[in-house]
Amino acid sequence: MSLIDTLGYRRPTPSALQRLVQRAAATTPGAWLLARVLHRLDRVALAVSRDGWSITTALSGLPIIVLTTTAARSGRAREVPLMAVPLDGGLAVLGTNFGQHDEPAWTRDLAANPQAAVAYGGRRVGVVAREVTPPAERAAILDRATAMYAGMARYAGRLGHRSVRVFLLEAAPR
């Protein structure tokens, strides 16, 4: 069974209002604000709903997973809500950090320790991450992410100094 099936991962169709929120979030000021606020609000909402509901999904119609990594330096569990892109039964995650200057810490964590977990809809699954490096595969994932959320291309376009790290998450062998 694929990771998507195990999690019951579904991509809702955004409403007109949610598409408007997506456009605002893709702007530089919108991304700046969301990078500082939204993940904190989502952490609370996801914890209260036991990973069943996020503010991001309600506002934008984008499905949000909770990725749990092992921090590269401290070894502590670190949870981060992320948009995930379905791909061949797995999920791809992109380190855009809302188009902000710094690389998100979770990308360094996954590179150091690819064993992680994903929660979605109240289900939690162990995963193994693989950093996607072949240019054609990365481009295909970025295209799919942009089709899902147009702001992704804007975020990537603002990162002239660094490239977007892309990871493919697949269910860990049992």
N, C-alpha and C. Protein backbone atom coordinates (compact mmCIF):
# COMPACT_ATOMS: atom_id res chain seq x y z
N MET A 1 0.85 -1.17 0.00
CA MET A 1 0.00 0.00 0.00
C MET A 1 0.90 1.24 0.00
N SER A 2 0.53 2.23 -0.78
CA SER A 2 1.34 3.45 -0.89
C SER A 2 1.18 4.34 0.34
N LEU A 3 2.11 5.23 0.50
CA LEU A 3 2.06 6.20 1.60
C LEU A 3 0.77 7.03 1.53
N ILE A 4 0.41 7.45 0.33
CA ILE A 4 -0.80 8.26 0.15
C ILE A 4 -2.04 7.49 0.61
N ASP A 5 -2.12 6.22 0.22
CA ASP A 5 -3.27 5.40 0.62
C ASP A 5 -3.28 5.15 2.12
N THR A 6 -2.12 4.85 2.69
CA THR A 6 -2.03 4.58 4.13
C THR A 6 -2.48 5.78 4.95
N LEU A 7 -2.08 6.97 4.51
CA LEU A 7 -2.45 8.20 5.23
C LEU A 7 -3.88 8.67 4.93
N GLY A 8 -4.45 8.18 3.83
CA GLY A 8 -5.75 8.72 3.40
C GLY A 8 -5.60 10.14 2.88
N TYR A 9 -4.43 10.44 2.32
CA TYR A 9 -4.10 11.79 1.84
C TYR A 9 -5.01 12.17 0.67
N ARG A 10 -5.64 13.31 0.79
CA ARG A 10 -6.50 13.82 -0.27
C ARG A 10 -6.21 15.29 -0.50
N ARG A 11 -6.31 15.68 -1.73
CA ARG A 11 -6.11 17.08 -2.10
C ARG A 11 -7.46 17.69 -2.42
N PRO A 12 -7.98 18.54 -1.53
CA PRO A 12 -9.28 19.16 -1.80
C PRO A 12 -9.19 20.18 -2.93
N THR A 13 -10.31 20.45 -3.57
CA THR A 13 -10.36 21.49 -4.59
C THR A 13 -10.63 22.81 -3.88
N PRO A 14 -9.71 23.78 -4.02
CA PRO A 14 -9.89 25.05 -3.32
C PRO A 14 -11.09 25.83 -3.84
N SER A 15 -11.77 26.51 -2.93
CA SER A 15 -12.87 27.38 -3.31
C SER A 15 -12.32 28.68 -3.88
N ALA A 16 -13.19 29.54 -4.38
CA ALA A 16 -12.75 30.84 -4.92
C ALA A 16 -12.07 31.67 -3.84
N LEU A 17 -12.60 31.65 -2.63
CA LEU A 17 -12.00 32.39 -1.52
C LEU A 17 -10.62 31.81 -1.18
N GLN A 18 -10.51 30.50 -1.16
CA GLN A 18 -9.22 29.87 -0.86
C GLN A 18 -8.18 30.19 -1.95
N ARG A 19 -8.60 30.25 -3.19
CA ARG A 19 -7.67 30.62 -4.28
C ARG A 19 -7.20 32.07 -4.10
N LEU A 20 -8.08 32.92 -3.62
CA LEU A 20 -7.71 34.31 -3.34
C LEU A 20 -6.67 34.37 -2.21
N VAL A 21 -6.87 33.58 -1.18
CA VAL A 21 -5.90 33.51 -0.08
C VAL A 21 -4.56 33.00 -0.61
N GLN A 22 -4.58 32.01 -1.49
CA GLN A 22 -3.35 31.50 -2.08
C GLN A 22 -2.59 32.59 -2.84
N ARG A 23 -3.32 33.39 -3.60
CA ARG A 23 -2.66 34.48 -4.34
C ARG A 23 -2.03 35.49 -3.39
N ALA A 24 -2.72 35.82 -2.31
CA ALA A 24 -2.16 36.76 -1.33
C ALA A 24 -0.94 36.16 -0.64
N ALA A 25 -0.99 34.87 -0.35
CA ALA A 25 0.13 34.20 0.31
C ALA A 25 1.37 34.13 -0.56
N ALA A 26 1.18 34.16 -1.87
CA ALA A 26 2.31 34.06 -2.80
C ALA A 26 3.07 35.37 -2.96
N THR A 27 2.48 36.48 -2.51
CA THR A 27 3.16 37.77 -2.62
C THR A 27 4.30 37.83 -1.60
N THR A 28 5.24 38.70 -1.82
CA THR A 28 6.37 38.83 -0.89
C THR A 28 5.91 39.20 0.51
N PRO A 29 5.03 40.23 0.68
CA PRO A 29 4.57 40.54 2.05
C PRO A 29 3.75 39.40 2.66
N GLY A 30 2.91 38.77 1.86
CA GLY A 30 2.10 37.66 2.37
C GLY A 30 2.96 36.50 2.82
N ALA A 31 3.96 36.15 2.03
CA ALA A 31 4.86 35.06 2.39
C ALA A 31 5.67 35.41 3.64
N TRP A 32 6.12 36.65 3.74
CA TRP A 32 6.88 37.08 4.90
C TRP A 32 6.05 36.90 6.17
N LEU A 33 4.80 37.35 6.12
CA LEU A 33 3.91 37.23 7.28
C LEU A 33 3.63 35.76 7.61
N LEU A 34 3.29 34.99 6.59
CA LEU A 34 2.95 33.58 6.83
C LEU A 34 4.14 32.80 7.36
N ALA A 35 5.34 33.10 6.88
CA ALA A 35 6.53 32.40 7.36
C ALA A 35 6.73 32.59 8.85
N ARG A 36 6.26 33.70 9.37
CA ARG A 36 6.46 33.98 10.79
C ARG A 36 5.28 33.58 11.66
N VAL A 37 4.10 33.41 11.08
CA VAL A 37 2.90 33.19 11.88
C VAL A 37 2.23 31.85 11.64
N LEU A 38 2.05 31.49 10.38
CA LEU A 38 1.16 30.38 10.05
C LEU A 38 1.58 29.05 10.63
N HIS A 39 2.86 28.70 10.57
CA HIS A 39 3.28 27.40 11.10
C HIS A 39 3.03 27.30 12.59
N ARG A 40 3.11 28.41 13.30
CA ARG A 40 2.83 28.39 14.74
C ARG A 40 1.34 28.12 14.99
N LEU A 41 0.49 28.78 14.23
CA LEU A 41 -0.95 28.56 14.37
C LEU A 41 -1.32 27.14 13.95
N ASP A 42 -0.71 26.67 12.87
CA ASP A 42 -1.00 25.30 12.41
C ASP A 42 -0.57 24.27 13.44
N ARG A 43 0.55 24.48 14.09
CA ARG A 43 1.00 23.52 15.11
C ARG A 43 -0.05 23.37 16.20
N VAL A 44 -0.61 24.48 16.64
CA VAL A 44 -1.64 24.44 17.68
C VAL A 44 -2.89 23.74 17.16
N ALA A 45 -3.36 24.15 15.99
CA ALA A 45 -4.58 23.55 15.42
C ALA A 45 -4.40 22.06 15.17
N LEU A 46 -3.25 21.68 14.64
CA LEU A 46 -3.00 20.27 14.36
C LEU A 46 -2.88 19.46 15.64
N ALA A 47 -2.28 20.02 16.67
CA ALA A 47 -2.18 19.31 17.95
C ALA A 47 -3.55 19.12 18.57
N VAL A 48 -4.36 20.17 18.56
CA VAL A 48 -5.70 20.09 19.15
C VAL A 48 -6.57 19.10 18.39
N SER A 49 -6.44 19.08 17.07
CA SER A 49 -7.28 18.20 16.24
C SER A 49 -6.64 16.83 16.01
N ARG A 50 -5.51 16.58 16.65
CA ARG A 50 -4.76 15.32 16.48
C ARG A 50 -4.43 15.09 15.01
N ASP A 51 -3.83 16.11 14.42
CA ASP A 51 -3.37 16.09 13.02
C ASP A 51 -4.51 15.95 12.02
N GLY A 52 -5.70 16.35 12.41
CA GLY A 52 -6.84 16.22 11.52
C GLY A 52 -7.26 17.50 10.82
N TRP A 53 -6.78 18.66 11.30
CA TRP A 53 -7.26 19.93 10.75
C TRP A 53 -6.17 20.97 10.88
N SER A 54 -5.95 21.73 9.82
CA SER A 54 -4.98 22.81 9.89
C SER A 54 -5.62 24.12 9.43
N ILE A 55 -5.10 25.21 9.94
CA ILE A 55 -5.57 26.53 9.54
C ILE A 55 -5.22 26.77 8.08
N THR A 56 -4.04 26.31 7.66
CA THR A 56 -3.63 26.47 6.26
C THR A 56 -4.63 25.82 5.32
N THR A 57 -5.06 24.60 5.63
CA THR A 57 -6.03 23.91 4.77
C THR A 57 -7.36 24.67 4.75
N ALA A 58 -7.80 25.13 5.91
CA ALA A 58 -9.06 25.86 5.96
C ALA A 58 -8.99 27.15 5.16
N LEU A 59 -7.88 27.88 5.26
CA LEU A 59 -7.75 29.16 4.57
C LEU A 59 -7.46 29.02 3.08
N SER A 60 -6.61 28.04 2.72
CA SER A 60 -6.11 27.97 1.35
C SER A 60 -6.56 26.75 0.56
N GLY A 61 -7.10 25.75 1.22
CA GLY A 61 -7.48 24.53 0.53
C GLY A 61 -6.30 23.63 0.22
N LEU A 62 -5.12 23.94 0.76
CA LEU A 62 -3.94 23.11 0.54
C LEU A 62 -3.83 22.06 1.64
N PRO A 63 -3.63 20.79 1.29
CA PRO A 63 -3.50 19.76 2.32
C PRO A 63 -2.15 19.88 3.03
N ILE A 64 -2.18 19.77 4.34
CA ILE A 64 -0.99 19.94 5.17
C ILE A 64 -0.69 18.65 5.92
N ILE A 65 0.56 18.23 5.86
CA ILE A 65 1.04 17.10 6.65
C ILE A 65 1.86 17.65 7.81
N VAL A 66 2.11 16.81 8.79
CA VAL A 66 3.06 17.15 9.85
C VAL A 66 4.24 16.19 9.68
N LEU A 67 5.39 16.77 9.37
CA LEU A 67 6.62 16.00 9.21
C LEU A 67 7.39 16.05 10.52
N THR A 68 7.74 14.88 11.05
CA THR A 68 8.54 14.80 12.26
C THR A 68 9.92 14.29 11.87
N THR A 69 10.91 15.12 12.11
CA THR A 69 12.30 14.78 11.82
C THR A 69 13.08 14.69 13.12
N THR A 70 14.30 14.20 13.01
CA THR A 70 15.22 14.21 14.14
C THR A 70 16.19 15.35 13.90
N ALA A 71 16.24 16.31 14.82
CA ALA A 71 17.10 17.48 14.66
C ALA A 71 18.55 17.04 14.50
N ALA A 72 19.21 17.60 13.49
CA ALA A 72 20.58 17.20 13.16
C ALA A 72 21.56 17.46 14.30
N ARG A 73 21.38 18.54 15.04
CA ARG A 73 22.32 18.88 16.11
C ARG A 73 21.93 18.29 17.46
N SER A 74 20.67 18.49 17.86
CA SER A 74 20.26 18.10 19.21
C SER A 74 19.76 16.66 19.30
N GLY A 75 19.33 16.09 18.19
CA GLY A 75 18.77 14.74 18.20
C GLY A 75 17.33 14.68 18.69
N ARG A 76 16.74 15.84 18.95
CA ARG A 76 15.34 15.90 19.41
C ARG A 76 14.38 15.77 18.24
N ALA A 77 13.19 15.29 18.54
CA ALA A 77 12.13 15.24 17.53
C ALA A 77 11.68 16.66 17.22
N ARG A 78 11.49 16.94 15.95
CA ARG A 78 11.08 18.28 15.52
C ARG A 78 9.92 18.11 14.55
N GLU A 79 8.81 18.78 14.83
CA GLU A 79 7.62 18.69 13.98
C GLU A 79 7.44 19.98 13.20
N VAL A 80 7.06 19.83 11.93
CA VAL A 80 6.81 21.00 11.09
C VAL A 80 5.64 20.70 10.15
N PRO A 81 4.65 21.60 10.09
CA PRO A 81 3.57 21.44 9.13
C PRO A 81 4.05 21.89 7.75
N LEU A 82 3.76 21.07 6.74
CA LEU A 82 4.21 21.36 5.37
C LEU A 82 3.15 20.97 4.36
N MET A 83 3.16 21.67 3.24
CA MET A 83 2.38 21.23 2.09
C MET A 83 3.15 20.08 1.45
N ALA A 84 2.46 19.03 1.10
CA ALA A 84 3.09 17.88 0.45
C ALA A 84 2.48 17.68 -0.93
N VAL A 85 3.32 17.26 -1.84
CA VAL A 85 2.90 17.07 -3.23
C VAL A 85 2.84 15.57 -3.51
N PRO A 86 1.67 15.03 -3.87
CA PRO A 86 1.58 13.60 -4.16
C PRO A 86 2.39 13.25 -5.40
N LEU A 87 3.12 12.14 -5.31
CA LEU A 87 3.98 11.73 -6.41
C LEU A 87 4.18 10.22 -6.36
N ASP A 88 3.61 9.52 -7.30
CA ASP A 88 3.82 8.07 -7.44
C ASP A 88 3.61 7.31 -6.13
N GLY A 89 2.58 7.63 -5.39
CA GLY A 89 2.29 6.94 -4.15
C GLY A 89 3.03 7.48 -2.95
N GLY A 90 4.02 8.34 -3.18
CA GLY A 90 4.75 8.98 -2.09
C GLY A 90 4.37 10.45 -2.01
N LEU A 91 5.05 11.17 -1.17
CA LEU A 91 4.81 12.61 -1.02
C LEU A 91 6.14 13.35 -1.15
N ALA A 92 6.15 14.40 -1.92
CA ALA A 92 7.33 15.25 -2.05
C ALA A 92 7.13 16.49 -1.19
N VAL A 93 8.19 16.92 -0.55
CA VAL A 93 8.18 18.16 0.23
C VAL A 93 9.32 19.04 -0.27
N LEU A 94 9.05 20.35 -0.31
CA LEU A 94 10.00 21.30 -0.90
C LEU A 94 10.41 22.33 0.14
N GLY A 95 11.70 22.57 0.24
CA GLY A 95 12.24 23.50 1.23
C GLY A 95 12.26 24.94 0.75
N THR A 96 11.10 25.47 0.41
CA THR A 96 11.03 26.86 -0.07
C THR A 96 11.07 27.86 1.06
N ASN A 97 10.58 27.46 2.24
CA ASN A 97 10.52 28.36 3.40
C ASN A 97 9.80 29.66 3.03
N PHE A 98 8.69 29.54 2.29
CA PHE A 98 7.88 30.68 1.87
C PHE A 98 8.69 31.68 1.05
N GLY A 99 9.77 31.22 0.40
CA GLY A 99 10.60 32.12 -0.39
C GLY A 99 11.51 32.99 0.44
N GLN A 100 11.69 32.64 1.70
CA GLN A 100 12.55 33.41 2.59
C GLN A 100 14.02 33.07 2.36
N HIS A 101 14.89 33.91 2.85
CA HIS A 101 16.33 33.80 2.62
C HIS A 101 16.93 32.50 3.14
N ASP A 102 16.58 32.11 4.35
CA ASP A 102 17.21 30.95 4.99
C ASP A 102 16.56 29.63 4.58
N GLU A 103 17.40 28.63 4.50
CA GLU A 103 16.92 27.28 4.25
C GLU A 103 16.19 26.79 5.51
N PRO A 104 15.07 26.09 5.35
CA PRO A 104 14.37 25.59 6.55
C PRO A 104 15.19 24.49 7.24
N ALA A 105 15.16 24.49 8.57
CA ALA A 105 15.95 23.54 9.35
C ALA A 105 15.57 22.09 9.05
N TRP A 106 14.30 21.84 8.74
CA TRP A 106 13.90 20.46 8.50
C TRP A 106 14.63 19.83 7.31
N THR A 107 15.07 20.64 6.34
CA THR A 107 15.79 20.07 5.20
C THR A 107 17.16 19.55 5.65
N ARG A 108 17.82 20.27 6.53
CA ARG A 108 19.11 19.79 7.06
C ARG A 108 18.90 18.55 7.93
N ASP A 109 17.79 18.53 8.67
CA ASP A 109 17.49 17.37 9.50
C ASP A 109 17.29 16.12 8.65
N LEU A 110 16.50 16.24 7.57
CA LEU A 110 16.26 15.08 6.70
C LEU A 110 17.53 14.63 5.99
N ALA A 111 18.37 15.58 5.60
CA ALA A 111 19.62 15.22 4.94
C ALA A 111 20.52 14.44 5.91
N ALA A 112 20.52 14.82 7.19
CA ALA A 112 21.35 14.15 8.18
C ALA A 112 20.76 12.81 8.62
N ASN A 113 19.44 12.74 8.68
CA ASN A 113 18.76 11.51 9.12
C ASN A 113 17.48 11.36 8.32
N PRO A 114 17.48 10.52 7.29
CA PRO A 114 16.31 10.40 6.43
C PRO A 114 15.13 9.63 7.04
N GLN A 115 15.31 9.07 8.23
CA GLN A 115 14.20 8.40 8.91
C GLN A 115 13.33 9.47 9.55
N ALA A 116 12.03 9.45 9.24
CA ALA A 116 11.13 10.48 9.76
C ALA A 116 9.74 9.87 9.91
N ALA A 117 8.77 10.71 10.19
CA ALA A 117 7.37 10.29 10.27
C ALA A 117 6.50 11.38 9.67
N VAL A 118 5.37 10.95 9.13
CA VAL A 118 4.39 11.88 8.56
C VAL A 118 3.05 11.61 9.21
N ALA A 119 2.37 12.68 9.62
CA ALA A 119 1.01 12.57 10.15
C ALA A 119 0.08 13.35 9.24
N TYR A 120 -1.09 12.78 9.03
CA TYR A 120 -2.12 13.44 8.21
C TYR A 120 -3.45 12.80 8.55
N GLY A 121 -4.44 13.64 8.77
CA GLY A 121 -5.79 13.13 9.01
C GLY A 121 -5.89 12.18 10.19
N GLY A 122 -5.06 12.39 11.21
CA GLY A 122 -5.10 11.54 12.39
C GLY A 122 -4.31 10.26 12.27
N ARG A 123 -3.67 10.04 11.13
CA ARG A 123 -2.83 8.85 10.94
C ARG A 123 -1.37 9.27 10.93
N ARG A 124 -0.51 8.35 11.40
CA ARG A 124 0.93 8.62 11.45
C ARG A 124 1.67 7.42 10.86
N VAL A 125 2.64 7.71 9.99
CA VAL A 125 3.37 6.66 9.28
C VAL A 125 4.86 6.99 9.29
N GLY A 126 5.68 5.98 9.55
CA GLY A 126 7.12 6.14 9.43
C GLY A 126 7.50 6.24 7.95
N VAL A 127 8.42 7.14 7.64
CA VAL A 127 8.85 7.34 6.26
C VAL A 127 10.37 7.37 6.17
N VAL A 128 10.84 7.18 4.95
CA VAL A 128 12.24 7.36 4.62
C VAL A 128 12.28 8.45 3.55
N ALA A 129 13.16 9.43 3.75
CA ALA A 129 13.27 10.54 2.81
C ALA A 129 14.47 10.33 1.89
N ARG A 130 14.28 10.70 0.64
CA ARG A 130 15.36 10.69 -0.35
C ARG A 130 15.42 12.07 -0.96
N GLU A 131 16.60 12.71 -0.87
CA GLU A 131 16.73 14.02 -1.51
C GLU A 131 16.76 13.82 -3.02
N VAL A 132 15.94 14.59 -3.69
CA VAL A 132 15.84 14.50 -5.14
C VAL A 132 16.88 15.44 -5.75
N THR A 133 17.84 14.88 -6.46
CA THR A 133 18.89 15.70 -7.04
C THR A 133 18.91 15.72 -8.57
N PRO A 134 18.47 14.66 -9.27
CA PRO A 134 18.50 14.75 -10.73
C PRO A 134 17.66 15.94 -11.22
N PRO A 135 18.24 16.81 -12.05
CA PRO A 135 17.53 18.03 -12.47
C PRO A 135 16.15 17.77 -13.09
N ALA A 136 16.03 16.75 -13.90
CA ALA A 136 14.73 16.48 -14.55
C ALA A 136 13.68 16.07 -13.52
N GLU A 137 14.07 15.26 -12.56
CA GLU A 137 13.13 14.82 -11.52
C GLU A 137 12.73 15.99 -10.62
N ARG A 138 13.71 16.83 -10.26
CA ARG A 138 13.42 18.03 -9.45
C ARG A 138 12.47 18.95 -10.20
N ALA A 139 12.73 19.18 -11.48
CA ALA A 139 11.88 20.06 -12.29
C ALA A 139 10.46 19.53 -12.36
N ALA A 140 10.32 18.23 -12.52
CA ALA A 140 8.98 17.63 -12.59
C ALA A 140 8.22 17.82 -11.28
N ILE A 141 8.92 17.68 -10.16
CA ILE A 141 8.28 17.87 -8.86
C ILE A 141 7.92 19.34 -8.65
N LEU A 142 8.83 20.25 -9.02
CA LEU A 142 8.53 21.68 -8.90
C LEU A 142 7.34 22.05 -9.78
N ASP A 143 7.25 21.48 -10.97
CA ASP A 143 6.10 21.74 -11.85
C ASP A 143 4.81 21.24 -11.21
N ARG A 144 4.85 20.06 -10.64
CA ARG A 144 3.66 19.50 -9.99
C ARG A 144 3.26 20.33 -8.77
N ALA A 145 4.25 20.78 -8.01
CA ALA A 145 3.98 21.63 -6.84
C ALA A 145 3.37 22.96 -7.27
N THR A 146 3.87 23.52 -8.36
CA THR A 146 3.35 24.79 -8.88
C THR A 146 1.93 24.62 -9.40
N ALA A 147 1.62 23.47 -10.01
CA ALA A 147 0.25 23.21 -10.46
C ALA A 147 -0.70 23.12 -9.27
N MET A 148 -0.20 22.65 -8.15
CA MET A 148 -1.01 22.52 -6.95
C MET A 148 -1.16 23.88 -6.25
N TYR A 149 -0.08 24.66 -6.26
CA TYR A 149 -0.06 25.96 -5.59
C TYR A 149 0.87 26.88 -6.37
N ALA A 150 0.29 27.85 -7.07
CA ALA A 150 1.06 28.73 -7.95
C ALA A 150 2.13 29.52 -7.21
N GLY A 151 1.92 29.77 -5.94
CA GLY A 151 2.90 30.50 -5.14
C GLY A 151 4.24 29.78 -5.03
N MET A 152 4.25 28.49 -5.25
CA MET A 152 5.49 27.73 -5.15
C MET A 152 6.53 28.25 -6.15
N ALA A 153 6.12 28.57 -7.35
CA ALA A 153 7.05 29.10 -8.36
C ALA A 153 7.57 30.47 -7.93
N ARG A 154 6.71 31.27 -7.33
CA ARG A 154 7.16 32.59 -6.85
C ARG A 154 8.17 32.44 -5.72
N TYR A 155 7.90 31.51 -4.81
CA TYR A 155 8.83 31.27 -3.71
C TYR A 155 10.19 30.87 -4.29
N ALA A 156 10.18 29.89 -5.18
CA ALA A 156 11.44 29.40 -5.77
C ALA A 156 12.15 30.50 -6.54
N GLY A 157 11.40 31.38 -7.19
CA GLY A 157 11.99 32.47 -7.96
C GLY A 157 12.68 33.52 -7.11
N ARG A 158 12.31 33.60 -5.83
CA ARG A 158 12.93 34.58 -4.94
C ARG A 158 14.19 34.05 -4.26
N LEU A 159 14.60 32.85 -4.60
CA LEU A 159 15.72 32.21 -3.91
C LEU A 159 16.98 32.19 -4.77
N GLY A 160 17.32 33.31 -5.37
CA GLY A 160 18.45 33.36 -6.27
C GLY A 160 19.74 32.83 -5.67
N HIS A 161 19.92 32.96 -4.37
CA HIS A 161 21.17 32.55 -3.71
C HIS A 161 21.22 31.06 -3.37
N ARG A 162 20.09 30.39 -3.36
CA ARG A 162 20.07 28.96 -3.03
C ARG A 162 19.01 28.25 -3.85
N SER A 163 19.17 26.96 -3.98
CA SER A 163 18.16 26.19 -4.70
C SER A 163 17.21 25.56 -3.69
N VAL A 164 16.04 25.21 -4.15
CA VAL A 164 15.04 24.57 -3.31
C VAL A 164 15.42 23.10 -3.14
N ARG A 165 15.58 22.69 -1.90
CA ARG A 165 15.83 21.27 -1.65
C ARG A 165 14.50 20.54 -1.71
N VAL A 166 14.51 19.40 -2.39
CA VAL A 166 13.30 18.61 -2.60
C VAL A 166 13.56 17.21 -2.05
N PHE A 167 12.60 16.71 -1.28
CA PHE A 167 12.71 15.36 -0.71
C PHE A 167 11.47 14.57 -1.09
N LEU A 168 11.67 13.32 -1.42
CA LEU A 168 10.57 12.39 -1.66
C LEU A 168 10.44 11.50 -0.44
N LEU A 169 9.25 11.46 0.13
CA LEU A 169 8.97 10.65 1.31
C LEU A 169 8.24 9.39 0.89
N GLU A 170 8.74 8.25 1.32
CA GLU A 170 8.08 6.98 1.03
C GLU A 170 7.93 6.21 2.32
N ALA A 171 6.91 5.37 2.40
CA ALA A 171 6.66 4.60 3.61
C ALA A 171 7.89 3.77 3.96
N ALA A 172 8.26 3.79 5.24
CA ALA A 172 9.40 3.02 5.70
C ALA A 172 9.06 1.54 5.65
N PRO A 173 10.03 0.70 5.31
CA PRO A 173 9.76 -0.75 5.34
C PRO A 173 9.45 -1.19 6.75
N ARG A 174 8.54 -2.13 6.86
CA ARG A 174 8.14 -2.60 8.20
C ARG A 174 8.95 -3.77 8.63
